[in-house]
Amino acid sequence: MGRDGKNKRNIHVVQYPEEKRDDRDVLDGGQYRETFRGVHRLNRDEDGRVRCVACFMCATACPANCIHIVGEESPWDDREKYPKQFDIDELRCIFCGMCEEACPVDAIELTPRYEVVGLSRNEMVFDKSKLLEVYDQTAEEKPM
């Protein structure tokens, strides 16, 4: 597309927040949901506990080094460890999906959710409770 304005018919203007890209068709400038990677979530198991086993594979695979985990001995018999602390810096993350691929128990997933607001950098560091809250809000949605 040139800078002279000859090709203006292909420009898609979205009046956000009244109109959202996920409400539109892909050919009309909409968001293609199958490939979009948004905010992370920590999944729960069938008993409502965090599914993570604190193996640190997601933190090791992360190229942006934005995942911080502190493991602790598990009070449950079905696993050795669980994350006492699990933090993801959403501002540092590059949303590549390597953490999701590395997780052996499918505990961490990227959701199609993109509307996240924070007034400070500290508000954009998602701790375990905030990541589980994202799961509670998006549990009925099937992520990628």
Protein backbone atom coordinates (compact mmCIF):
# COMPACT_ATOMS: atom_id res chain seq x y z
CA MET A 1 0.00 0.00 0.00
CA GLY A 2 1.43 3.33 -1.01
CA ARG A 3 1.53 6.51 0.98
CA ASP A 4 -0.35 8.51 -1.62
CA GLY A 5 -3.78 7.26 -0.52
CA LYS A 6 -4.71 5.50 -3.78
CA ASN A 7 -5.48 2.26 -1.96
CA LYS A 8 -7.77 3.58 0.79
CA ARG A 9 -10.56 1.11 0.09
CA ASN A 10 -8.58 -1.67 1.83
CA ILE A 11 -8.17 0.23 5.11
CA HIS A 12 -10.14 -1.25 8.01
CA VAL A 13 -11.03 1.18 10.80
CA VAL A 14 -12.33 -0.28 14.04
CA GLN A 15 -14.18 2.01 16.46
CA TYR A 16 -12.78 0.42 19.62
CA PRO A 17 -14.20 -0.32 22.26
CA GLU A 18 -17.70 -0.15 20.76
CA GLU A 19 -16.63 -2.39 17.89
CA LYS A 20 -14.11 -5.17 18.31
CA ARG A 21 -12.01 -7.07 15.80
CA ASP A 22 -13.29 -10.44 16.99
CA ASP A 23 -16.82 -9.39 15.98
CA ARG A 24 -15.74 -9.08 12.33
CA ASP A 25 -14.96 -11.54 9.59
CA VAL A 26 -11.27 -12.27 8.98
CA LEU A 27 -11.47 -10.88 5.44
CA ASP A 28 -13.01 -7.71 6.85
CA GLY A 29 -10.11 -7.02 9.24
CA GLY A 30 -11.25 -9.34 12.01
CA GLN A 31 -9.07 -11.25 14.40
CA TYR A 32 -8.22 -14.81 13.41
CA ARG A 33 -8.88 -16.61 16.71
CA GLU A 34 -7.12 -19.91 16.03
CA THR A 35 -3.69 -18.33 15.81
CA PHE A 36 -4.07 -15.47 18.28
CA ARG A 37 -2.16 -15.79 21.55
CA GLY A 38 -3.22 -13.50 24.39
CA VAL A 39 -3.06 -13.50 28.16
CA HIS A 40 -1.90 -16.63 30.01
CA ARG A 41 -3.97 -18.75 32.34
CA LEU A 42 -3.17 -21.50 34.82
CA ASN A 43 -5.53 -24.43 34.47
CA ARG A 44 -7.21 -26.26 37.32
CA ASP A 45 -7.58 -30.03 37.58
CA GLU A 46 -10.89 -31.80 38.14
CA ASP A 47 -10.59 -31.25 41.92
CA GLY A 48 -10.21 -27.47 41.50
CA ARG A 49 -6.50 -27.43 42.37
CA VAL A 50 -3.82 -25.81 40.24
CA ARG A 51 -2.72 -28.33 37.62
CA CYS A 52 0.95 -27.21 37.66
CA VAL A 53 3.47 -29.65 39.17
CA ALA A 54 6.30 -27.07 39.44
CA CYS A 55 8.60 -28.84 36.99
CA PHE A 56 10.01 -25.48 35.75
CA MET A 57 9.90 -26.59 32.10
CA CYS A 58 7.87 -23.53 31.06
CA ALA A 59 10.30 -21.16 32.78
CA THR A 60 13.23 -22.95 31.13
CA ALA A 61 11.65 -22.83 27.67
CA CYS A 62 10.68 -19.15 27.90
CA PRO A 63 13.01 -17.05 25.68
CA ALA A 64 11.91 -13.81 27.36
CA ASN A 65 12.63 -15.14 30.87
CA CYS A 66 9.31 -13.78 32.16
CA ILE A 67 8.14 -16.79 34.22
CA HIS A 68 9.17 -17.11 37.87
CA ILE A 69 8.17 -20.19 39.87
CA VAL A 70 8.81 -21.13 43.50
CA GLY A 71 8.03 -24.79 44.11
CA GLU A 72 7.00 -26.39 47.37
CA GLU A 73 6.28 -29.91 48.55
CA SER A 74 2.75 -30.86 47.65
CA PRO A 75 0.16 -31.58 50.37
CA TRP A 76 -1.56 -33.99 47.95
CA ASP A 77 -0.53 -37.58 47.31
CA ASP A 78 -0.80 -37.50 43.51
CA ARG A 79 2.18 -35.16 42.94
CA GLU A 80 5.51 -34.29 44.51
CA LYS A 81 5.48 -30.50 44.12
CA TYR A 82 3.16 -27.63 43.39
CA PRO A 83 3.88 -23.94 42.75
CA LYS A 84 3.85 -21.90 45.94
CA GLN A 85 4.48 -18.85 43.76
CA PHE A 86 3.90 -18.57 40.00
CA ASP A 87 4.45 -15.19 38.33
CA ILE A 88 4.35 -14.16 34.67
CA ASP A 89 5.43 -10.68 33.61
CA GLU A 90 2.94 -9.96 30.82
CA LEU A 91 4.88 -6.87 29.72
CA ARG A 92 8.07 -8.85 29.22
CA CYS A 93 6.36 -11.81 27.52
CA ILE A 94 6.58 -12.06 23.73
CA PHE A 95 3.55 -14.43 23.53
CA CYS A 96 5.44 -17.07 21.56
CA GLY A 97 3.67 -20.07 23.14
CA MET A 98 6.86 -21.93 24.08
CA CYS A 99 5.69 -22.25 27.70
CA GLU A 100 2.45 -23.84 26.56
CA GLU A 101 4.29 -26.34 24.36
CA ALA A 102 6.81 -27.24 27.08
CA CYS A 103 4.26 -27.97 29.83
CA PRO A 104 3.87 -31.75 30.27
CA VAL A 105 0.55 -31.49 32.16
CA ASP A 106 -1.12 -28.69 30.12
CA ALA A 107 -1.16 -26.40 33.14
CA ILE A 108 -0.40 -23.16 31.30
CA GLU A 109 -2.28 -21.94 28.23
CA LEU A 110 -2.55 -18.78 26.20
CA THR A 111 -6.09 -17.47 25.87
CA PRO A 112 -7.64 -15.32 23.13
CA ARG A 113 -8.21 -12.60 25.76
CA TYR A 114 -6.40 -9.37 24.90
CA GLU A 115 -8.13 -6.65 26.90
CA VAL A 116 -5.80 -6.19 29.87
CA VAL A 117 -5.28 -2.89 31.62
CA GLY A 118 -2.77 -1.95 34.28
CA LEU A 119 -1.86 1.39 35.78
CA SER A 120 1.64 0.27 36.77
CA ARG A 121 4.19 -2.35 35.80
CA ASN A 122 3.45 -4.29 39.00
CA GLU A 123 -0.19 -4.73 37.97
CA MET A 124 0.97 -6.46 34.79
CA VAL A 125 2.89 -9.14 36.67
CA PHE A 126 0.27 -11.86 36.98
CA ASP A 127 0.63 -14.00 40.09
CA LYS A 128 -0.90 -17.42 40.66
CA SER A 129 -4.22 -16.08 41.93
CA LYS A 130 -4.63 -13.73 38.97
CA LEU A 131 -3.73 -16.50 36.49
CA LEU A 132 -6.30 -18.79 38.11
CA GLU A 133 -8.82 -15.94 37.95
CA VAL A 134 -8.25 -15.75 34.19
CA TYR A 135 -8.97 -19.49 34.07
CA ASP A 136 -12.22 -19.00 35.98
CA GLN A 137 -13.28 -16.29 33.51
CA THR A 138 -12.30 -18.28 30.40
CA ALA A 139 -12.99 -21.87 31.52
CA GLU A 140 -15.85 -22.35 29.05
CA GLU A 141 -13.71 -21.07 26.16
CA LYS A 142 -11.45 -23.60 24.52
CA PRO A 143 -8.06 -21.97 23.91
CA MET A 144 -5.88 -22.84 20.97
